[in-house]
Amino acid sequence: MEDTYKTIKSPSEGLFKDKGSKFLAFAYHIEQEAEVKALIEPLRKEHFKAVHFCYAFRLGLDKTNFRVNDDGEPSGSAGRPILNVLLSKDITNILVVVVRYWGGTLLGVPGLINAYKSATEEALLVADVVEKTVNEVYQVQFEYIQMNDVMKVVKDFDLKIKNQVFDNQCTIEIDFRKSLANQILGKLEKIDNISVEYLRTV
């Protein structure tokens, strides 16, 4: 089961020039689509003289969870070449925006494809690419008298507790590698009077 993926740790930038046109690429780590607009808006304000803000993003391990935007460039000449670089380098949870300053000379579709691709590659060349694990988050509810049994599983698997409420009825949130799910859930479910609920994948 695949439970690791590559992403970038922090924002990075790249630059490609062709016949007077400048293509500035900005790469960002993202966790959800809602972040895209918030990252593009400041670029539009900062680069108000630019003519195009083309982008592509990819989320998760599913090769179909992506979006491309040509922002007025000929169809398929901007967003798709950016995405193709992300796919070829197998990087996900990433947004790349390429800001184009017009240089006065038409580049044609092949020239544009090369420019958007090259600018993206330049940004990723200097990016800090990291490998992360796909983790699942679960909520575990149990009675106080089961505390030792639950904490033994937490300790044995070195689990991270994200949230906790300890009372007569206790609740903890834990996350762990997806590939360990069957093992850990199997141990937890052997404890009496316990409820384990899947919350999300991170």
N, C-alpha and C. Protein backbone atom coordinates (compact mmCIF):
# COMPACT_ATOMS: atom_id res chain seq x y z
N MET A 1 0.85 -1.18 0.00
CA MET A 1 0.00 0.00 0.00
C MET A 1 0.89 1.25 0.00
N GLU A 2 0.64 2.14 -0.91
CA GLU A 2 1.44 3.36 -0.99
C GLU A 2 0.99 4.32 0.09
N ASP A 3 1.91 4.68 1.00
CA ASP A 3 1.52 5.63 2.03
C ASP A 3 2.58 6.71 2.25
N THR A 4 3.38 6.96 1.22
CA THR A 4 4.30 8.10 1.27
C THR A 4 4.09 8.94 0.02
N TYR A 5 4.41 10.22 0.12
CA TYR A 5 4.30 11.10 -1.03
C TYR A 5 5.35 12.20 -0.92
N LYS A 6 5.66 12.83 -2.06
CA LYS A 6 6.62 13.92 -2.08
C LYS A 6 5.88 15.25 -2.22
N THR A 7 6.32 16.24 -1.45
CA THR A 7 5.76 17.58 -1.57
C THR A 7 6.89 18.57 -1.29
N ILE A 8 6.57 19.87 -1.32
CA ILE A 8 7.62 20.85 -1.00
C ILE A 8 7.37 21.40 0.40
N LYS A 9 8.47 21.72 1.08
CA LYS A 9 8.40 22.14 2.47
C LYS A 9 8.01 23.61 2.59
N SER A 10 8.53 24.44 1.70
CA SER A 10 8.28 25.88 1.79
C SER A 10 8.21 26.48 0.38
N PRO A 11 7.69 27.71 0.25
CA PRO A 11 7.57 28.32 -1.09
C PRO A 11 8.91 28.44 -1.80
N SER A 12 8.88 28.34 -3.13
CA SER A 12 10.09 28.54 -3.93
C SER A 12 9.72 29.28 -5.21
N GLU A 13 10.72 29.84 -5.87
CA GLU A 13 10.48 30.64 -7.07
C GLU A 13 11.44 30.26 -8.18
N GLY A 14 10.97 30.46 -9.43
CA GLY A 14 11.82 30.22 -10.60
C GLY A 14 11.55 31.27 -11.66
N LEU A 15 12.48 31.45 -12.56
CA LEU A 15 12.34 32.46 -13.61
C LEU A 15 12.79 31.88 -14.95
N PHE A 16 11.99 32.15 -16.00
CA PHE A 16 12.37 31.77 -17.37
C PHE A 16 12.05 32.95 -18.28
N LYS A 17 13.00 33.27 -19.19
CA LYS A 17 12.78 34.38 -20.12
C LYS A 17 12.86 33.88 -21.55
N ASP A 18 12.01 34.45 -22.42
CA ASP A 18 12.04 34.11 -23.84
C ASP A 18 11.51 35.29 -24.65
N LYS A 19 12.36 35.80 -25.56
CA LYS A 19 11.97 36.90 -26.47
C LYS A 19 11.32 38.07 -25.72
N GLY A 20 11.91 38.44 -24.61
CA GLY A 20 11.40 39.60 -23.87
C GLY A 20 10.32 39.28 -22.85
N SER A 21 9.63 38.16 -23.01
CA SER A 21 8.62 37.77 -22.01
C SER A 21 9.31 37.15 -20.80
N LYS A 22 8.79 37.50 -19.63
CA LYS A 22 9.31 36.94 -18.39
C LYS A 22 8.24 36.04 -17.77
N PHE A 23 8.65 34.86 -17.34
CA PHE A 23 7.74 33.90 -16.70
C PHE A 23 8.27 33.63 -15.28
N LEU A 24 7.55 34.15 -14.29
CA LEU A 24 7.95 33.96 -12.89
C LEU A 24 7.10 32.86 -12.28
N ALA A 25 7.74 31.81 -11.81
CA ALA A 25 7.00 30.67 -11.23
C ALA A 25 7.08 30.73 -9.70
N PHE A 26 5.93 30.53 -9.07
CA PHE A 26 5.85 30.52 -7.60
C PHE A 26 5.23 29.19 -7.17
N ALA A 27 5.97 28.42 -6.39
CA ALA A 27 5.48 27.10 -5.93
C ALA A 27 5.14 27.17 -4.44
N TYR A 28 4.00 26.59 -4.07
CA TYR A 28 3.54 26.61 -2.67
C TYR A 28 3.08 25.22 -2.26
N HIS A 29 3.31 24.90 -0.99
CA HIS A 29 2.72 23.68 -0.42
C HIS A 29 1.28 24.00 -0.03
N ILE A 30 0.34 23.16 -0.43
CA ILE A 30 -1.06 23.35 -0.03
C ILE A 30 -1.63 22.03 0.49
N GLU A 31 -2.67 22.15 1.31
CA GLU A 31 -3.35 20.96 1.85
C GLU A 31 -4.75 20.81 1.28
N GLN A 32 -5.33 21.93 0.77
CA GLN A 32 -6.68 21.86 0.22
C GLN A 32 -6.88 22.95 -0.84
N GLU A 33 -7.88 22.72 -1.68
CA GLU A 33 -8.14 23.63 -2.81
C GLU A 33 -8.49 25.04 -2.35
N ALA A 34 -9.09 25.17 -1.17
CA ALA A 34 -9.51 26.48 -0.67
C ALA A 34 -8.34 27.46 -0.53
N GLU A 35 -7.11 26.94 -0.45
CA GLU A 35 -5.94 27.81 -0.26
C GLU A 35 -5.51 28.50 -1.56
N VAL A 36 -5.94 27.96 -2.69
CA VAL A 36 -5.43 28.42 -3.99
C VAL A 36 -5.70 29.91 -4.22
N LYS A 37 -6.95 30.30 -4.08
CA LYS A 37 -7.33 31.70 -4.33
C LYS A 37 -6.56 32.65 -3.42
N ALA A 38 -6.43 32.27 -2.15
CA ALA A 38 -5.75 33.13 -1.18
C ALA A 38 -4.27 33.32 -1.51
N LEU A 39 -3.68 32.37 -2.22
CA LEU A 39 -2.27 32.49 -2.60
C LEU A 39 -2.10 33.29 -3.90
N ILE A 40 -3.08 33.19 -4.80
CA ILE A 40 -2.97 33.88 -6.09
C ILE A 40 -3.27 35.38 -5.96
N GLU A 41 -4.23 35.75 -5.09
CA GLU A 41 -4.63 37.16 -4.96
C GLU A 41 -3.45 38.09 -4.67
N PRO A 42 -2.58 37.78 -3.69
CA PRO A 42 -1.44 38.68 -3.43
C PRO A 42 -0.51 38.81 -4.64
N LEU A 43 -0.37 37.73 -5.42
CA LEU A 43 0.48 37.79 -6.63
C LEU A 43 -0.11 38.77 -7.64
N ARG A 44 -1.44 38.73 -7.78
CA ARG A 44 -2.11 39.65 -8.72
C ARG A 44 -1.88 41.10 -8.31
N LYS A 45 -1.88 41.36 -7.00
CA LYS A 45 -1.67 42.73 -6.52
C LYS A 45 -0.21 43.14 -6.70
N GLU A 46 0.69 42.23 -6.36
CA GLU A 46 2.12 42.55 -6.44
C GLU A 46 2.58 42.72 -7.89
N HIS A 47 2.07 41.88 -8.77
CA HIS A 47 2.49 41.89 -10.18
C HIS A 47 1.35 42.43 -11.06
N PHE A 48 0.88 43.62 -10.72
CA PHE A 48 -0.32 44.16 -11.40
C PHE A 48 -0.07 44.48 -12.88
N LYS A 49 1.20 44.55 -13.29
CA LYS A 49 1.49 44.83 -14.70
C LYS A 49 1.61 43.55 -15.53
N ALA A 50 1.56 42.41 -14.86
CA ALA A 50 1.66 41.13 -15.59
C ALA A 50 0.36 40.86 -16.35
N VAL A 51 0.45 40.04 -17.40
CA VAL A 51 -0.73 39.82 -18.26
C VAL A 51 -1.44 38.49 -18.00
N HIS A 52 -0.73 37.51 -17.46
CA HIS A 52 -1.35 36.20 -17.21
C HIS A 52 -0.87 35.63 -15.87
N PHE A 53 -1.80 34.96 -15.18
CA PHE A 53 -1.49 34.26 -13.94
C PHE A 53 -2.00 32.82 -14.11
N CYS A 54 -1.18 32.00 -14.72
CA CYS A 54 -1.58 30.61 -15.03
C CYS A 54 -1.11 29.70 -13.90
N TYR A 55 -1.90 28.65 -13.66
CA TYR A 55 -1.50 27.79 -12.54
C TYR A 55 -1.97 26.35 -12.74
N ALA A 56 -1.40 25.50 -11.90
CA ALA A 56 -1.85 24.11 -11.78
C ALA A 56 -1.62 23.70 -10.34
N PHE A 57 -2.53 22.88 -9.81
CA PHE A 57 -2.27 22.31 -8.49
C PHE A 57 -2.63 20.84 -8.50
N ARG A 58 -2.04 20.13 -7.56
CA ARG A 58 -2.31 18.70 -7.41
C ARG A 58 -2.43 18.41 -5.92
N LEU A 59 -3.42 17.59 -5.56
CA LEU A 59 -3.64 17.23 -4.16
C LEU A 59 -3.76 15.72 -3.99
N GLY A 60 -3.22 15.21 -2.90
CA GLY A 60 -3.38 13.78 -2.58
C GLY A 60 -2.61 12.86 -3.51
N LEU A 61 -2.80 11.56 -3.29
CA LEU A 61 -2.09 10.56 -4.08
C LEU A 61 -2.84 10.19 -5.35
N ASP A 62 -4.10 10.60 -5.42
CA ASP A 62 -4.91 10.28 -6.59
C ASP A 62 -4.46 11.13 -7.77
N LYS A 63 -4.07 10.47 -8.85
CA LYS A 63 -3.56 11.20 -10.02
C LYS A 63 -4.64 12.05 -10.70
N THR A 64 -5.91 11.92 -10.26
CA THR A 64 -6.98 12.68 -10.91
C THR A 64 -7.40 13.91 -10.10
N ASN A 65 -6.76 14.14 -8.96
CA ASN A 65 -7.15 15.27 -8.12
C ASN A 65 -6.26 16.48 -8.41
N PHE A 66 -6.60 17.21 -9.48
CA PHE A 66 -5.80 18.36 -9.89
C PHE A 66 -6.69 19.35 -10.62
N ARG A 67 -6.14 20.55 -10.84
CA ARG A 67 -6.82 21.54 -11.68
C ARG A 67 -5.78 22.36 -12.42
N VAL A 68 -6.12 22.77 -13.63
CA VAL A 68 -5.23 23.64 -14.40
C VAL A 68 -6.01 24.88 -14.86
N ASN A 69 -5.29 26.00 -15.03
CA ASN A 69 -5.92 27.24 -15.48
C ASN A 69 -4.96 27.97 -16.41
N ASP A 70 -5.43 28.23 -17.65
CA ASP A 70 -4.59 28.90 -18.65
C ASP A 70 -4.70 30.43 -18.58
N ASP A 71 -5.65 30.95 -17.82
CA ASP A 71 -5.82 32.39 -17.62
C ASP A 71 -5.65 33.21 -18.90
N GLY A 72 -6.34 32.81 -19.96
CA GLY A 72 -6.33 33.60 -21.18
C GLY A 72 -5.28 33.20 -22.20
N GLU A 73 -4.34 32.38 -21.83
CA GLU A 73 -3.38 31.85 -22.81
C GLU A 73 -4.11 30.81 -23.66
N PRO A 74 -3.57 30.49 -24.87
CA PRO A 74 -4.23 29.45 -25.68
C PRO A 74 -4.43 28.16 -24.89
N SER A 75 -5.57 27.53 -25.08
CA SER A 75 -5.93 26.33 -24.32
C SER A 75 -4.82 25.27 -24.36
N GLY A 76 -4.45 24.78 -23.17
CA GLY A 76 -3.45 23.71 -23.08
C GLY A 76 -2.01 24.18 -23.14
N SER A 77 -1.79 25.50 -23.26
CA SER A 77 -0.41 25.99 -23.44
C SER A 77 0.26 26.42 -22.13
N ALA A 78 -0.51 26.46 -21.03
CA ALA A 78 0.07 26.99 -19.79
C ALA A 78 -0.18 26.07 -18.59
N GLY A 79 -1.44 25.94 -18.17
CA GLY A 79 -1.75 25.13 -16.99
C GLY A 79 -1.32 23.67 -17.13
N ARG A 80 -1.59 23.10 -18.29
CA ARG A 80 -1.25 21.67 -18.51
C ARG A 80 0.27 21.42 -18.47
N PRO A 81 1.11 22.27 -19.13
CA PRO A 81 2.55 22.05 -19.00
C PRO A 81 3.06 22.18 -17.56
N ILE A 82 2.44 23.09 -16.78
CA ILE A 82 2.82 23.20 -15.36
C ILE A 82 2.49 21.89 -14.64
N LEU A 83 1.27 21.39 -14.86
CA LEU A 83 0.84 20.14 -14.22
C LEU A 83 1.73 18.96 -14.63
N ASN A 84 2.08 18.92 -15.91
CA ASN A 84 2.91 17.80 -16.39
C ASN A 84 4.24 17.70 -15.65
N VAL A 85 4.80 18.86 -15.27
CA VAL A 85 6.05 18.85 -14.49
C VAL A 85 5.79 18.25 -13.11
N LEU A 86 4.66 18.65 -12.49
CA LEU A 86 4.32 18.11 -11.16
C LEU A 86 4.14 16.60 -11.21
N LEU A 87 3.48 16.12 -12.28
CA LEU A 87 3.24 14.68 -12.43
C LEU A 87 4.55 13.94 -12.71
N SER A 88 5.39 14.53 -13.56
CA SER A 88 6.64 13.82 -13.93
C SER A 88 7.59 13.74 -12.73
N LYS A 89 7.54 14.73 -11.86
CA LYS A 89 8.39 14.71 -10.66
C LYS A 89 7.67 14.04 -9.48
N ASP A 90 6.43 13.64 -9.71
CA ASP A 90 5.62 12.95 -8.70
C ASP A 90 5.53 13.74 -7.39
N ILE A 91 5.25 15.04 -7.54
CA ILE A 91 5.08 15.92 -6.37
C ILE A 91 3.60 16.24 -6.24
N THR A 92 3.09 16.22 -5.00
CA THR A 92 1.68 16.51 -4.79
C THR A 92 1.51 17.49 -3.63
N ASN A 93 0.25 17.85 -3.33
CA ASN A 93 -0.06 18.88 -2.33
C ASN A 93 0.73 20.14 -2.66
N ILE A 94 0.63 20.56 -3.91
CA ILE A 94 1.43 21.67 -4.41
C ILE A 94 0.63 22.52 -5.39
N LEU A 95 0.86 23.82 -5.33
CA LEU A 95 0.31 24.78 -6.29
C LEU A 95 1.49 25.50 -6.93
N VAL A 96 1.49 25.59 -8.26
CA VAL A 96 2.48 26.41 -8.96
C VAL A 96 1.74 27.45 -9.80
N VAL A 97 2.05 28.72 -9.55
CA VAL A 97 1.48 29.83 -10.31
C VAL A 97 2.61 30.43 -11.14
N VAL A 98 2.37 30.58 -12.45
CA VAL A 98 3.38 31.22 -13.30
C VAL A 98 2.81 32.56 -13.77
N VAL A 99 3.52 33.62 -13.41
CA VAL A 99 3.12 34.99 -13.73
C VAL A 99 3.88 35.43 -14.98
N ARG A 100 3.14 35.84 -16.03
CA ARG A 100 3.80 36.21 -17.28
C ARG A 100 3.76 37.72 -17.53
N TYR A 101 4.94 38.25 -17.77
CA TYR A 101 5.06 39.63 -18.25
C TYR A 101 5.28 39.58 -19.76
N TRP A 102 4.43 40.26 -20.50
CA TRP A 102 4.45 40.25 -21.97
C TRP A 102 5.69 40.98 -22.49
N GLY A 103 6.36 40.35 -23.45
CA GLY A 103 7.59 40.94 -23.97
C GLY A 103 7.47 41.53 -25.37
N GLY A 104 6.25 41.51 -25.93
CA GLY A 104 6.04 42.14 -27.23
C GLY A 104 6.16 41.22 -28.43
N THR A 105 6.63 39.98 -28.21
CA THR A 105 6.78 39.03 -29.32
C THR A 105 5.95 37.78 -29.04
N LEU A 106 5.15 37.37 -30.03
CA LEU A 106 4.36 36.14 -29.87
C LEU A 106 5.30 34.93 -29.83
N LEU A 107 5.04 34.03 -28.90
CA LEU A 107 5.90 32.85 -28.77
C LEU A 107 5.30 31.64 -29.48
N GLY A 108 3.99 31.70 -29.80
CA GLY A 108 3.34 30.53 -30.39
C GLY A 108 3.09 29.48 -29.32
N VAL A 109 2.21 28.54 -29.60
CA VAL A 109 1.86 27.53 -28.59
C VAL A 109 3.07 26.70 -28.15
N PRO A 110 3.91 26.19 -29.08
CA PRO A 110 5.08 25.42 -28.62
C PRO A 110 6.00 26.24 -27.71
N GLY A 111 6.16 27.53 -28.04
CA GLY A 111 7.00 28.40 -27.21
C GLY A 111 6.42 28.61 -25.83
N LEU A 112 5.10 28.76 -25.77
CA LEU A 112 4.43 28.94 -24.48
C LEU A 112 4.54 27.69 -23.63
N ILE A 113 4.29 26.55 -24.24
CA ILE A 113 4.38 25.27 -23.51
C ILE A 113 5.77 25.13 -22.89
N ASN A 114 6.80 25.43 -23.68
CA ASN A 114 8.17 25.33 -23.20
C ASN A 114 8.44 26.33 -22.07
N ALA A 115 7.90 27.54 -22.22
CA ALA A 115 8.15 28.59 -21.22
C ALA A 115 7.51 28.25 -19.88
N TYR A 116 6.24 27.82 -19.90
CA TYR A 116 5.55 27.51 -18.63
C TYR A 116 6.16 26.27 -17.98
N LYS A 117 6.56 25.31 -18.80
CA LYS A 117 7.21 24.10 -18.29
C LYS A 117 8.56 24.47 -17.65
N SER A 118 9.34 25.27 -18.37
CA SER A 118 10.69 25.61 -17.90
C SER A 118 10.66 26.44 -16.62
N ALA A 119 9.73 27.39 -16.55
CA ALA A 119 9.63 28.22 -15.34
C ALA A 119 9.28 27.35 -14.13
N THR A 120 8.36 26.40 -14.33
CA THR A 120 7.97 25.48 -13.25
C THR A 120 9.16 24.64 -12.81
N GLU A 121 9.91 24.12 -13.78
CA GLU A 121 11.09 23.31 -13.45
C GLU A 121 12.11 24.10 -12.65
N GLU A 122 12.28 25.39 -13.01
CA GLU A 122 13.23 26.25 -12.29
C GLU A 122 12.81 26.42 -10.83
N ALA A 123 11.50 26.60 -10.60
CA ALA A 123 11.01 26.76 -9.22
C ALA A 123 11.22 25.48 -8.41
N LEU A 124 11.01 24.33 -9.05
CA LEU A 124 11.15 23.06 -8.32
C LEU A 124 12.61 22.67 -8.11
N LEU A 125 13.46 23.20 -8.98
CA LEU A 125 14.90 22.92 -8.88
C LEU A 125 15.46 23.41 -7.55
N VAL A 126 14.93 24.55 -7.08
CA VAL A 126 15.44 25.13 -5.83
C VAL A 126 14.53 24.81 -4.64
N ALA A 127 13.44 24.10 -4.88
CA ALA A 127 12.49 23.78 -3.80
C ALA A 127 13.06 22.72 -2.87
N ASP A 128 12.65 22.79 -1.62
CA ASP A 128 13.03 21.78 -0.63
C ASP A 128 11.98 20.66 -0.67
N VAL A 129 12.26 19.63 -1.47
CA VAL A 129 11.29 18.52 -1.63
C VAL A 129 11.45 17.53 -0.48
N VAL A 130 10.34 17.20 0.17
CA VAL A 130 10.38 16.29 1.31
C VAL A 130 9.42 15.12 1.06
N GLU A 131 9.73 14.00 1.71
CA GLU A 131 8.83 12.84 1.62
C GLU A 131 8.03 12.76 2.92
N LYS A 132 6.71 12.66 2.78
CA LYS A 132 5.85 12.57 3.96
C LYS A 132 5.05 11.27 3.92
N THR A 133 4.52 10.89 5.08
CA THR A 133 3.68 9.69 5.12
C THR A 133 2.22 10.11 5.07
N VAL A 134 1.40 9.27 4.47
CA VAL A 134 -0.06 9.48 4.49
C VAL A 134 -0.54 8.94 5.83
N ASN A 135 -1.14 9.81 6.63
CA ASN A 135 -1.61 9.41 7.96
C ASN A 135 -3.13 9.47 8.04
N GLU A 136 -3.69 8.62 8.89
CA GLU A 136 -5.13 8.65 9.16
C GLU A 136 -5.34 9.09 10.60
N VAL A 137 -6.37 9.92 10.79
CA VAL A 137 -6.68 10.43 12.14
C VAL A 137 -7.95 9.73 12.65
N TYR A 138 -7.87 9.24 13.88
CA TYR A 138 -9.01 8.55 14.50
C TYR A 138 -9.32 9.18 15.86
N GLN A 139 -10.62 9.16 16.21
CA GLN A 139 -11.03 9.56 17.55
C GLN A 139 -11.34 8.28 18.34
N VAL A 140 -10.75 8.18 19.52
CA VAL A 140 -10.94 7.00 20.37
C VAL A 140 -11.64 7.45 21.65
N GLN A 141 -12.78 6.81 21.96
CA GLN A 141 -13.50 7.12 23.20
C GLN A 141 -13.51 5.87 24.08
N PHE A 142 -13.25 6.09 25.37
CA PHE A 142 -13.18 4.94 26.28
C PHE A 142 -13.45 5.42 27.71
N GLU A 143 -13.74 4.47 28.59
CA GLU A 143 -13.96 4.82 29.99
C GLU A 143 -12.62 4.92 30.71
N TYR A 144 -12.62 5.73 31.77
CA TYR A 144 -11.36 6.01 32.48
C TYR A 144 -10.63 4.73 32.89
N ILE A 145 -11.41 3.71 33.27
CA ILE A 145 -10.76 2.47 33.73
C ILE A 145 -10.01 1.74 32.61
N GLN A 146 -10.29 2.11 31.35
CA GLN A 146 -9.56 1.51 30.22
C GLN A 146 -8.27 2.28 29.86
N MET A 147 -8.00 3.34 30.59
CA MET A 147 -6.88 4.23 30.26
C MET A 147 -5.56 3.47 30.03
N ASN A 148 -5.21 2.58 30.96
CA ASN A 148 -3.93 1.87 30.84
C ASN A 148 -3.84 1.04 29.58
N ASP A 149 -4.96 0.35 29.25
CA ASP A 149 -4.97 -0.49 28.05
C ASP A 149 -4.79 0.35 26.79
N VAL A 150 -5.50 1.49 26.74
CA VAL A 150 -5.41 2.37 25.55
C VAL A 150 -4.00 2.96 25.45
N MET A 151 -3.48 3.45 26.58
CA MET A 151 -2.16 4.08 26.57
C MET A 151 -1.04 3.09 26.24
N LYS A 152 -1.27 1.82 26.54
CA LYS A 152 -0.27 0.81 26.17
C LYS A 152 -0.16 0.72 24.64
N VAL A 153 -1.31 0.74 23.96
CA VAL A 153 -1.30 0.71 22.48
C VAL A 153 -0.63 1.98 21.93
N VAL A 154 -0.96 3.12 22.53
CA VAL A 154 -0.36 4.40 22.11
C VAL A 154 1.16 4.32 22.24
N LYS A 155 1.64 3.79 23.39
CA LYS A 155 3.07 3.70 23.66
C LYS A 155 3.74 2.66 22.75
N ASP A 156 3.12 1.49 22.61
CA ASP A 156 3.72 0.42 21.79
C ASP A 156 3.97 0.87 20.35
N PHE A 157 3.04 1.66 19.81
CA PHE A 157 3.18 2.10 18.41
C PHE A 157 3.72 3.53 18.30
N ASP A 158 4.08 4.11 19.44
CA ASP A 158 4.63 5.47 19.46
C ASP A 158 3.70 6.44 18.72
N LEU A 159 2.42 6.42 19.10
CA LEU A 159 1.41 7.23 18.40
C LEU A 159 1.40 8.67 18.91
N LYS A 160 1.03 9.58 18.01
CA LYS A 160 0.91 10.99 18.40
C LYS A 160 -0.53 11.24 18.84
N ILE A 161 -0.68 11.85 20.01
CA ILE A 161 -2.02 12.25 20.48
C ILE A 161 -2.21 13.71 20.10
N LYS A 162 -3.23 13.98 19.27
CA LYS A 162 -3.46 15.35 18.79
C LYS A 162 -4.34 16.14 19.75
N ASN A 163 -5.36 15.48 20.28
CA ASN A 163 -6.26 16.12 21.26
C ASN A 163 -6.59 15.10 22.33
N GLN A 164 -6.86 15.57 23.53
CA GLN A 164 -7.23 14.62 24.58
C GLN A 164 -8.15 15.26 25.61
N VAL A 165 -9.12 14.49 26.08
CA VAL A 165 -9.99 14.90 27.18
C VAL A 165 -10.06 13.70 28.12
N PHE A 166 -9.55 13.87 29.34
CA PHE A 166 -9.58 12.77 30.30
C PHE A 166 -10.57 13.08 31.42
N ASP A 167 -11.62 12.27 31.49
CA ASP A 167 -12.66 12.43 32.51
C ASP A 167 -13.16 11.01 32.79
N ASN A 168 -14.38 10.87 33.34
CA ASN A 168 -14.94 9.52 33.47
C ASN A 168 -15.02 8.86 32.09
N GLN A 169 -15.44 9.68 31.11
CA GLN A 169 -15.43 9.24 29.71
C GLN A 169 -14.28 9.98 29.04
N CYS A 170 -13.35 9.26 28.45
CA CYS A 170 -12.15 9.89 27.87
C CYS A 170 -12.21 9.88 26.35
N THR A 171 -11.61 10.90 25.75
CA THR A 171 -11.53 10.98 24.28
C THR A 171 -10.12 11.40 23.89
N ILE A 172 -9.53 10.68 22.95
CA ILE A 172 -8.25 11.13 22.38
C ILE A 172 -8.34 11.08 20.86
N GLU A 173 -7.56 11.94 20.22
CA GLU A 173 -7.40 11.89 18.76
C GLU A 173 -5.98 11.44 18.49
N ILE A 174 -5.84 10.41 17.66
CA ILE A 174 -4.50 9.92 17.34
C ILE A 174 -4.34 9.87 15.82
N ASP A 175 -3.10 10.01 15.37
CA ASP A 175 -2.88 9.77 13.94
C ASP A 175 -1.68 8.85 13.75
N PHE A 176 -1.73 8.10 12.67
CA PHE A 176 -0.66 7.13 12.39
C PHE A 176 -0.64 6.81 10.91
N ARG A 177 0.47 6.20 10.50
CA ARG A 177 0.62 5.84 9.08
C ARG A 177 -0.50 4.92 8.63
N LYS A 178 -1.00 5.22 7.44
CA LYS A 178 -2.11 4.44 6.88
C LYS A 178 -1.78 2.95 6.85
N SER A 179 -0.52 2.63 6.54
CA SER A 179 -0.14 1.21 6.40
C SER A 179 -0.19 0.46 7.73
N LEU A 180 -0.23 1.20 8.85
CA LEU A 180 -0.29 0.54 10.16
C LEU A 180 -1.71 0.42 10.69
N ALA A 181 -2.69 0.96 9.93
CA ALA A 181 -4.07 1.06 10.43
C ALA A 181 -4.62 -0.28 10.92
N ASN A 182 -4.49 -1.34 10.11
CA ASN A 182 -5.09 -2.62 10.50
C ASN A 182 -4.52 -3.15 11.81
N GLN A 183 -3.19 -3.01 11.96
CA GLN A 183 -2.54 -3.48 13.18
C GLN A 183 -3.04 -2.73 14.41
N ILE A 184 -3.03 -1.40 14.32
CA ILE A 184 -3.37 -0.56 15.47
C ILE A 184 -4.86 -0.69 15.81
N LEU A 185 -5.71 -0.64 14.80
CA LEU A 185 -7.15 -0.75 15.05
C LEU A 185 -7.49 -2.12 15.64
N GLY A 186 -6.79 -3.14 15.18
CA GLY A 186 -7.00 -4.50 15.71
C GLY A 186 -6.73 -4.56 17.20
N LYS A 187 -5.63 -3.90 17.65
CA LYS A 187 -5.27 -3.88 19.07
C LYS A 187 -6.31 -3.09 19.88
N LEU A 188 -6.72 -1.94 19.34
CA LEU A 188 -7.68 -1.10 20.07
C LEU A 188 -9.03 -1.79 20.22
N GLU A 189 -9.45 -2.48 19.17
CA GLU A 189 -10.78 -3.08 19.19
C GLU A 189 -10.89 -4.27 20.16
N LYS A 190 -9.74 -4.75 20.64
CA LYS A 190 -9.76 -5.84 21.62
C LYS A 190 -10.07 -5.31 23.03
N ILE A 191 -10.03 -3.98 23.20
CA ILE A 191 -10.29 -3.38 24.51
C ILE A 191 -11.81 -3.22 24.67
N ASP A 192 -12.32 -3.57 25.85
CA ASP A 192 -13.77 -3.48 26.10
C ASP A 192 -14.25 -2.02 26.15
N ASN A 193 -15.53 -1.84 25.80
CA ASN A 193 -16.18 -0.52 25.92
C ASN A 193 -15.38 0.62 25.28
N ILE A 194 -14.94 0.39 24.06
CA ILE A 194 -14.16 1.42 23.36
C ILE A 194 -14.84 1.74 22.03
N SER A 195 -14.77 2.99 21.63
CA SER A 195 -15.34 3.37 20.33
C SER A 195 -14.24 4.06 19.53
N VAL A 196 -14.02 3.57 18.31
CA VAL A 196 -12.96 4.12 17.45
C VAL A 196 -13.62 4.64 16.17
N GLU A 197 -13.41 5.92 15.90
CA GLU A 197 -14.06 6.52 14.73
C GLU A 197 -13.01 7.18 13.82
N TYR A 198 -13.06 6.82 12.53
CA TYR A 198 -12.16 7.45 11.54
C TYR A 198 -12.60 8.89 11.32
N LEU A 199 -11.67 9.83 11.34
CA LEU A 199 -12.00 11.25 11.14
C LEU A 199 -11.56 11.76 9.76
N ARG A 200 -10.28 11.58 9.42
CA ARG A 200 -9.79 12.13 8.15
C ARG A 200 -8.42 11.56 7.83
N THR A 201 -8.01 11.77 6.58
CA THR A 201 -6.67 11.41 6.14
C THR A 201 -5.85 12.69 5.99
N VAL A 202 -4.61 12.66 6.47
CA VAL A 202 -3.76 13.86 6.36
C VAL A 202 -2.42 13.51 5.72
